[in-house]
């Protein structure tokens, strides 16, 4: 994939809830694939020992840079503030 193609694809900032109720923040171009990686234990050291991980929040961005800025911003928030953000996220009816 060319550098141009990478910069033109959609990026996502996401929050996952771990088994121990902790929250993990990250970015990806493939939410479903990234969640599968986390749940196989290969997504990140933090989530590898806290599986399963459930996607509880996401935002779409036009670039990795924008998604990373949002990740850095939210990582600095308290858990309560993150939980309030998550509460406003629409859920699927099956959840």
N, C-alpha and C. Protein backbone atom coordinates (compact mmCIF):
# COMPACT_ATOMS: atom_id res chain seq x y z
N UNK A 1 0.85 -1.18 0.00
CA UNK A 1 0.00 0.00 0.00
C UNK A 1 0.89 1.24 0.00
N UNK A 2 0.57 2.17 -0.83
CA UNK A 2 1.39 3.38 -0.91
C UNK A 2 1.15 4.30 0.28
N UNK A 3 2.09 5.17 0.52
CA UNK A 3 1.94 6.14 1.61
C UNK A 3 0.70 7.00 1.38
N UNK A 4 0.44 7.36 0.14
CA UNK A 4 -0.74 8.18 -0.18
C UNK A 4 -2.03 7.44 0.21
N UNK A 5 -2.10 6.15 -0.10
CA UNK A 5 -3.29 5.37 0.24
C UNK A 5 -3.48 5.29 1.75
N UNK A 6 -2.39 5.16 2.49
CA UNK A 6 -2.48 5.08 3.95
C UNK A 6 -3.03 6.39 4.52
N UNK A 7 -2.60 7.51 4.00
CA UNK A 7 -3.05 8.79 4.56
C UNK A 7 -4.47 9.13 4.15
N UNK A 8 -4.99 8.50 3.08
CA UNK A 8 -6.34 8.83 2.63
C UNK A 8 -7.41 7.91 3.21
N UNK A 9 -7.04 6.88 3.96
CA UNK A 9 -8.04 5.98 4.50
C UNK A 9 -8.61 6.51 5.82
N UNK A 10 -9.72 5.94 6.21
CA UNK A 10 -10.34 6.33 7.47
C UNK A 10 -9.58 5.72 8.64
N UNK A 11 -9.45 6.48 9.69
CA UNK A 11 -8.83 6.03 10.93
C UNK A 11 -9.87 6.14 12.03
N UNK A 12 -9.72 5.32 13.04
CA UNK A 12 -10.64 5.33 14.17
C UNK A 12 -9.87 5.47 15.47
N UNK A 13 -10.38 6.31 16.35
CA UNK A 13 -9.99 6.31 17.75
C UNK A 13 -11.02 5.41 18.43
N UNK A 14 -10.58 4.55 19.35
CA UNK A 14 -11.54 3.67 20.01
C UNK A 14 -11.20 3.49 21.48
N UNK A 15 -12.22 3.07 22.22
CA UNK A 15 -12.04 2.70 23.61
C UNK A 15 -12.59 1.29 23.77
N UNK A 16 -11.80 0.45 24.39
CA UNK A 16 -12.22 -0.91 24.70
C UNK A 16 -12.31 -1.09 26.20
N UNK A 17 -13.32 -1.86 26.63
CA UNK A 17 -13.45 -2.18 28.05
C UNK A 17 -12.88 -3.58 28.26
N UNK A 18 -11.97 -3.68 29.20
CA UNK A 18 -11.32 -4.96 29.50
C UNK A 18 -12.09 -5.73 30.57
N UNK A 19 -11.75 -7.00 30.72
CA UNK A 19 -12.40 -7.88 31.70
C UNK A 19 -12.39 -7.28 33.10
N UNK A 20 -11.32 -6.58 33.45
CA UNK A 20 -11.21 -6.01 34.80
C UNK A 20 -11.88 -4.63 34.90
N UNK A 21 -12.66 -4.25 33.88
CA UNK A 21 -13.41 -2.99 33.81
C UNK A 21 -12.51 -1.79 33.54
N UNK A 22 -11.23 -2.01 33.26
CA UNK A 22 -10.37 -0.90 32.87
C UNK A 22 -10.67 -0.55 31.41
N UNK A 23 -10.23 0.64 31.01
CA UNK A 23 -10.47 1.12 29.66
C UNK A 23 -9.16 1.23 28.91
N UNK A 24 -9.17 0.80 27.65
CA UNK A 24 -7.98 0.88 26.80
C UNK A 24 -8.30 1.78 25.62
N UNK A 25 -7.45 2.76 25.35
CA UNK A 25 -7.63 3.67 24.22
C UNK A 25 -6.62 3.36 23.13
N UNK A 26 -7.05 3.42 21.87
CA UNK A 26 -6.14 3.16 20.77
C UNK A 26 -6.66 3.74 19.47
N UNK A 27 -5.87 3.56 18.40
CA UNK A 27 -6.31 3.96 17.07
C UNK A 27 -6.08 2.78 16.12
N UNK A 28 -6.85 2.77 15.04
CA UNK A 28 -6.75 1.69 14.06
C UNK A 28 -7.45 2.10 12.77
N UNK A 29 -7.21 1.35 11.71
CA UNK A 29 -7.97 1.52 10.47
C UNK A 29 -9.03 0.43 10.35
N UNK A 30 -8.99 -0.57 11.23
CA UNK A 30 -9.90 -1.71 11.18
C UNK A 30 -10.36 -2.06 12.59
N UNK A 31 -11.52 -1.54 12.98
CA UNK A 31 -12.01 -1.76 14.35
C UNK A 31 -12.23 -3.24 14.65
N UNK A 32 -12.90 -3.95 13.77
CA UNK A 32 -13.18 -5.37 14.02
C UNK A 32 -11.90 -6.19 14.10
N UNK A 33 -10.98 -5.93 13.17
CA UNK A 33 -9.71 -6.66 13.17
C UNK A 33 -8.89 -6.36 14.41
N UNK A 34 -8.87 -5.12 14.82
CA UNK A 34 -8.10 -4.74 16.01
C UNK A 34 -8.68 -5.39 17.26
N UNK A 35 -10.00 -5.42 17.36
CA UNK A 35 -10.64 -6.06 18.50
C UNK A 35 -10.32 -7.56 18.52
N UNK A 36 -10.31 -8.20 17.35
CA UNK A 36 -9.93 -9.61 17.28
C UNK A 36 -8.50 -9.80 17.78
N UNK A 37 -7.59 -8.90 17.37
CA UNK A 37 -6.20 -8.99 17.83
C UNK A 37 -6.12 -8.87 19.35
N UNK A 38 -6.83 -7.89 19.91
CA UNK A 38 -6.82 -7.74 21.37
C UNK A 38 -7.30 -9.02 22.03
N UNK A 39 -8.34 -9.62 21.50
CA UNK A 39 -8.92 -10.80 22.14
C UNK A 39 -8.15 -12.08 21.88
N UNK A 40 -7.21 -12.05 20.93
CA UNK A 40 -6.29 -13.17 20.73
C UNK A 40 -5.04 -13.01 21.59
N UNK A 41 -4.92 -11.85 22.24
CA UNK A 41 -3.76 -11.60 23.08
C UNK A 41 -2.59 -11.00 22.34
N UNK A 42 -2.80 -10.56 21.09
CA UNK A 42 -1.71 -9.99 20.30
C UNK A 42 -1.91 -8.50 20.01
N UNK A 43 -2.96 -7.90 20.54
CA UNK A 43 -3.26 -6.50 20.25
C UNK A 43 -2.37 -5.52 20.99
N UNK A 44 -2.13 -5.78 22.25
CA UNK A 44 -1.30 -4.90 23.09
C UNK A 44 -0.98 -5.65 24.37
N UNK A 45 0.15 -5.36 24.96
CA UNK A 45 0.52 -6.02 26.22
C UNK A 45 -0.53 -5.77 27.30
N UNK A 46 -1.05 -4.53 27.33
CA UNK A 46 -2.03 -4.17 28.36
C UNK A 46 -3.28 -5.05 28.27
N UNK A 47 -3.80 -5.22 27.06
CA UNK A 47 -5.05 -5.97 26.91
C UNK A 47 -4.83 -7.48 26.92
N UNK A 48 -3.64 -7.92 26.61
CA UNK A 48 -3.36 -9.36 26.52
C UNK A 48 -3.70 -10.11 27.80
N UNK A 49 -3.51 -9.48 28.94
CA UNK A 49 -3.79 -10.12 30.22
C UNK A 49 -5.13 -9.69 30.81
N UNK A 50 -5.90 -8.92 30.04
CA UNK A 50 -7.18 -8.41 30.53
C UNK A 50 -8.33 -8.78 29.59
N UNK A 51 -8.17 -9.86 28.85
CA UNK A 51 -9.20 -10.29 27.90
C UNK A 51 -10.39 -10.91 28.64
N UNK A 52 -11.57 -10.82 28.04
CA UNK A 52 -11.87 -10.26 26.73
C UNK A 52 -11.96 -8.73 26.77
N UNK A 53 -11.84 -8.15 25.60
CA UNK A 53 -11.96 -6.71 25.40
C UNK A 53 -13.20 -6.47 24.55
N UNK A 54 -14.03 -5.54 24.98
CA UNK A 54 -15.25 -5.19 24.26
C UNK A 54 -15.15 -3.75 23.77
N UNK A 55 -15.48 -3.52 22.52
CA UNK A 55 -15.50 -2.16 21.99
C UNK A 55 -16.67 -1.41 22.60
N UNK A 56 -16.38 -0.26 23.23
CA UNK A 56 -17.44 0.52 23.86
C UNK A 56 -17.57 1.92 23.29
N UNK A 57 -16.62 2.33 22.44
CA UNK A 57 -16.68 3.68 21.89
C UNK A 57 -15.75 3.79 20.70
N UNK A 58 -16.16 4.58 19.69
CA UNK A 58 -15.26 4.87 18.57
C UNK A 58 -15.65 6.18 17.90
N UNK A 59 -14.67 6.78 17.26
CA UNK A 59 -14.83 8.00 16.45
C UNK A 59 -14.04 7.82 15.18
N UNK A 60 -14.56 8.33 14.06
CA UNK A 60 -13.89 8.20 12.77
C UNK A 60 -13.15 9.49 12.43
N UNK A 61 -11.94 9.34 11.87
CA UNK A 61 -11.11 10.48 11.47
C UNK A 61 -10.56 10.26 10.07
N UNK A 62 -10.16 11.35 9.44
CA UNK A 62 -9.62 11.30 8.08
C UNK A 62 -8.13 10.98 8.03
N UNK A 63 -7.46 11.03 9.17
CA UNK A 63 -6.02 10.76 9.17
C UNK A 63 -5.58 10.15 10.50
N UNK A 64 -4.45 9.47 10.45
CA UNK A 64 -3.87 8.89 11.66
C UNK A 64 -3.51 10.01 12.64
N UNK A 65 -3.04 11.12 12.13
CA UNK A 65 -2.64 12.24 12.97
C UNK A 65 -3.82 12.76 13.81
N UNK A 66 -4.97 12.92 13.17
CA UNK A 66 -6.16 13.40 13.89
C UNK A 66 -6.60 12.39 14.94
N UNK A 67 -6.60 11.11 14.57
CA UNK A 67 -7.01 10.06 15.51
C UNK A 67 -6.04 10.00 16.69
N UNK A 68 -4.74 10.12 16.43
CA UNK A 68 -3.73 10.08 17.49
C UNK A 68 -3.88 11.27 18.45
N UNK A 69 -4.18 12.44 17.91
CA UNK A 69 -4.40 13.62 18.77
C UNK A 69 -5.56 13.39 19.73
N UNK A 70 -6.64 12.79 19.19
CA UNK A 70 -7.80 12.51 20.04
C UNK A 70 -7.45 11.46 21.09
N UNK A 71 -6.70 10.44 20.70
CA UNK A 71 -6.27 9.41 21.64
C UNK A 71 -5.47 10.03 22.78
N UNK A 72 -4.52 10.88 22.45
CA UNK A 72 -3.69 11.52 23.48
C UNK A 72 -4.54 12.38 24.41
N UNK A 73 -5.52 13.09 23.83
CA UNK A 73 -6.40 13.93 24.64
C UNK A 73 -7.18 13.08 25.65
N UNK A 74 -7.82 12.03 25.15
CA UNK A 74 -8.70 11.24 26.01
C UNK A 74 -7.90 10.39 27.00
N UNK A 75 -6.72 9.94 26.63
CA UNK A 75 -5.89 9.18 27.57
C UNK A 75 -5.58 10.01 28.82
N UNK A 76 -5.58 11.32 28.68
CA UNK A 76 -5.31 12.19 29.82
C UNK A 76 -6.52 12.44 30.71
N UNK A 77 -7.68 11.95 30.30
CA UNK A 77 -8.90 12.16 31.07
C UNK A 77 -9.00 11.16 32.23
N UNK A 78 -9.80 11.53 33.22
CA UNK A 78 -10.11 10.60 34.31
C UNK A 78 -11.02 9.50 33.78
N UNK A 79 -11.07 8.39 34.51
CA UNK A 79 -11.97 7.30 34.10
C UNK A 79 -13.42 7.77 34.11
N UNK A 80 -13.80 8.58 35.05
CA UNK A 80 -15.18 9.09 35.13
C UNK A 80 -15.52 9.89 33.87
N UNK A 81 -14.61 10.73 33.43
CA UNK A 81 -14.86 11.52 32.22
C UNK A 81 -14.97 10.60 31.00
N UNK A 82 -14.12 9.59 30.92
CA UNK A 82 -14.20 8.62 29.82
C UNK A 82 -15.54 7.87 29.86
N UNK A 83 -15.96 7.47 31.05
CA UNK A 83 -17.24 6.75 31.20
C UNK A 83 -18.40 7.63 30.74
N UNK A 84 -18.35 8.91 31.03
CA UNK A 84 -19.41 9.82 30.58
C UNK A 84 -19.43 9.94 29.05
N UNK A 85 -18.26 9.94 28.44
CA UNK A 85 -18.18 9.96 26.97
C UNK A 85 -18.81 8.68 26.42
N UNK A 86 -18.47 7.55 27.01
CA UNK A 86 -18.99 6.25 26.57
C UNK A 86 -20.51 6.19 26.71
N UNK A 87 -21.05 6.74 27.79
CA UNK A 87 -22.50 6.71 28.02
C UNK A 87 -23.27 7.36 26.88
N UNK A 88 -22.68 8.34 26.21
CA UNK A 88 -23.35 9.01 25.11
C UNK A 88 -23.21 8.30 23.77
N UNK A 89 -22.48 7.19 23.74
CA UNK A 89 -22.23 6.45 22.50
C UNK A 89 -23.40 5.53 22.20
N UNK A 90 -23.96 5.59 20.99
CA UNK A 90 -25.12 4.74 20.67
C UNK A 90 -24.78 3.26 20.69
N UNK A 91 -25.67 2.45 21.22
CA UNK A 91 -25.49 1.01 21.32
C UNK A 91 -26.35 0.31 20.27
N UNK A 92 -25.90 -0.85 19.85
CA UNK A 92 -26.72 -1.69 18.99
C UNK A 92 -27.85 -2.27 19.82
N UNK A 93 -28.98 -2.48 19.22
CA UNK A 93 -30.15 -3.00 19.96
C UNK A 93 -29.88 -4.37 20.57
N UNK A 94 -28.99 -5.14 19.97
CA UNK A 94 -28.71 -6.48 20.47
C UNK A 94 -27.83 -6.49 21.71
N UNK A 95 -27.25 -5.36 22.05
CA UNK A 95 -26.35 -5.32 23.22
C UNK A 95 -27.14 -5.11 24.50
